Amino acid sequence: MDELLEILTDLHPEVDFELETGLIDNKILDSFDIITIISEIADNFDIAIPAKEIIPENFNSAEALWALIEKLEDEE
């Protein structure tokens, strides 16, 4: 999870990603941020996020993103 928090903090150092639960709903992350996050996750965790998983619920919080990463790692 620390590696994911580092990725997110590099994008938006002003956001407390451990507490924020509305990254999409509150328009903290935009489409460019999502693309960057997907790319960084691919590089750092060696997993690809399928298009069907690119939904607001999976990107609304660091916890949701971490759950997605763990799910995709388990499916490999």
C-alpha atoms as a PDB file:
ATOM      1  CA  MET A   1       0.000   0.000   0.000  1.00  0.00           C
ATOM      2  CA  ASP A   2       2.911   2.353   0.704  1.00  0.00           C
ATOM      3  CA  GLU A   3       4.031   2.141  -2.909  1.00  0.00           C
ATOM      4  CA  LEU A   4       0.527   3.069  -4.091  1.00  0.00           C
ATOM      5  CA  LEU A   5       0.354   5.998  -1.660  1.00  0.00           C
ATOM      6  CA  GLU A   6       3.685   7.219  -2.999  1.00  0.00           C
ATOM      7  CA  ILE A   7       2.356   7.108  -6.577  1.00  0.00           C
ATOM      8  CA  LEU A   8      -0.752   9.055  -5.580  1.00  0.00           C
ATOM      9  CA  THR A   9       1.146  11.585  -3.467  1.00  0.00           C
ATOM     10  CA  ASP A  10       3.521  12.283  -6.341  1.00  0.00           C
ATOM     11  CA  LEU A  11       0.472  13.272  -8.407  1.00  0.00           C
ATOM     12  CA  HIS A  12      -1.241  15.394  -5.744  1.00  0.00           C
ATOM     13  CA  PRO A  13       0.954  16.111  -2.704  1.00  0.00           C
ATOM     14  CA  GLU A  14      -1.777  18.307  -1.199  1.00  0.00           C
ATOM     15  CA  VAL A  15      -4.238  15.389  -0.779  1.00  0.00           C
ATOM     16  CA  ASP A  16      -4.352  13.045   2.212  1.00  0.00           C
ATOM     17  CA  PHE A  17      -4.901   9.833   0.301  1.00  0.00           C
ATOM     18  CA  GLU A  18      -5.192   7.768   3.479  1.00  0.00           C
ATOM     19  CA  LEU A  19      -8.388   9.623   4.423  1.00  0.00           C
ATOM     20  CA  GLU A  20      -9.879  10.838   1.129  1.00  0.00           C
ATOM     21  CA  THR A  21     -12.750   8.683  -0.133  1.00  0.00           C
ATOM     22  CA  GLY A  22     -14.037  10.848  -2.978  1.00  0.00           C
ATOM     23  CA  LEU A  23     -11.125  11.157  -5.379  1.00  0.00           C
ATOM     24  CA  ILE A  24     -13.406  10.896  -8.399  1.00  0.00           C
ATOM     25  CA  ASP A  25     -16.629  12.219  -6.844  1.00  0.00           C
ATOM     26  CA  ASN A  26     -14.862  15.349  -5.573  1.00  0.00           C
ATOM     27  CA  LYS A  27     -12.986  15.809  -8.861  1.00  0.00           C
ATOM     28  CA  ILE A  28      -9.565  15.472  -7.237  1.00  0.00           C
ATOM     29  CA  LEU A  29      -8.429  13.067  -9.944  1.00  0.00           C
ATOM     30  CA  ASP A  30      -9.007  13.820 -13.614  1.00  0.00           C
ATOM     31  CA  SER A  31      -8.701  11.568 -16.649  1.00  0.00           C
ATOM     32  CA  PHE A  32      -4.998  12.316 -17.065  1.00  0.00           C
ATOM     33  CA  ASP A  33      -4.386  11.349 -13.434  1.00  0.00           C
ATOM     34  CA  ILE A  34      -6.225   8.069 -13.983  1.00  0.00           C
ATOM     35  CA  ILE A  35      -4.079   7.254 -17.025  1.00  0.00           C
ATOM     36  CA  THR A  36      -0.932   8.077 -15.041  1.00  0.00           C
ATOM     37  CA  ILE A  37      -2.061   5.908 -12.113  1.00  0.00           C
ATOM     38  CA  ILE A  38      -2.851   2.984 -14.429  1.00  0.00           C
ATOM     39  CA  SER A  39       0.576   3.294 -16.038  1.00  0.00           C
ATOM     40  CA  GLU A  40       2.378   3.555 -12.691  1.00  0.00           C
ATOM     41  CA  ILE A  41       0.504   0.535 -11.321  1.00  0.00           C
ATOM     42  CA  ALA A  42       1.487  -1.440 -14.424  1.00  0.00           C
ATOM     43  CA  ASP A  43       5.140  -0.460 -13.973  1.00  0.00           C
ATOM     44  CA  ASN A  44       5.342  -0.915 -10.199  1.00  0.00           C
ATOM     45  CA  PHE A  45       3.097  -3.934  -9.657  1.00  0.00           C
ATOM     46  CA  ASP A  46       3.469  -5.649 -13.039  1.00  0.00           C
ATOM     47  CA  ILE A  47      -0.284  -5.905 -13.561  1.00  0.00           C
ATOM     48  CA  ALA A  48      -2.616  -4.506 -16.182  1.00  0.00           C
ATOM     49  CA  ILE A  49      -5.928  -2.955 -15.213  1.00  0.00           C
ATOM     50  CA  PRO A  50      -8.577  -4.187 -17.657  1.00  0.00           C
ATOM     51  CA  ALA A  51     -10.902  -1.597 -19.183  1.00  0.00           C
ATOM     52  CA  LYS A  52     -13.900  -3.093 -17.356  1.00  0.00           C
ATOM     53  CA  GLU A  53     -12.205  -2.229 -14.026  1.00  0.00           C
ATOM     54  CA  ILE A  54     -11.671   1.441 -14.913  1.00  0.00           C
ATOM     55  CA  ILE A  55     -14.756   2.640 -13.084  1.00  0.00           C
ATOM     56  CA  PRO A  56     -15.141   5.443 -10.516  1.00  0.00           C
ATOM     57  CA  GLU A  57     -15.667   3.016  -7.628  1.00  0.00           C
ATOM     58  CA  ASN A  58     -12.178   1.565  -8.132  1.00  0.00           C
ATOM     59  CA  PHE A  59     -10.493   4.988  -8.186  1.00  0.00           C
ATOM     60  CA  ASN A  60     -12.428   6.889  -5.504  1.00  0.00           C
ATOM     61  CA  SER A  61      -9.928   6.099  -2.740  1.00  0.00           C
ATOM     62  CA  ALA A  62      -6.503   4.611  -2.164  1.00  0.00           C
ATOM     63  CA  GLU A  63      -8.224   1.742  -0.335  1.00  0.00           C
ATOM     64  CA  ALA A  64     -10.389   0.964  -3.369  1.00  0.00           C
ATOM     65  CA  LEU A  65      -7.372   1.092  -5.655  1.00  0.00           C
ATOM     66  CA  TRP A  66      -5.398  -1.157  -3.329  1.00  0.00           C
ATOM     67  CA  ALA A  67      -8.275  -3.653  -3.246  1.00  0.00           C
ATOM     68  CA  LEU A  68      -8.284  -3.657  -7.054  1.00  0.00           C
ATOM     69  CA  ILE A  69      -4.517  -4.235  -7.180  1.00  0.00           C
ATOM     70  CA  GLU A  70      -4.785  -7.139  -4.733  1.00  0.00           C
ATOM     71  CA  LYS A  71      -7.691  -8.645  -6.690  1.00  0.00           C
ATOM     72  CA  LEU A  72      -5.776  -8.436  -9.972  1.00  0.00           C
ATOM     73  CA  GLU A  73      -2.641  -9.911  -8.400  1.00  0.00           C
ATOM     74  CA  ASP A  74      -4.694 -12.840  -7.066  1.00  0.00           C
ATOM     75  CA  GLU A  75      -6.148 -13.477 -10.535  1.00  0.00           C
ATOM     76  CA  GLU A  76      -2.712 -13.922 -12.099  1.00  0.00           C
END
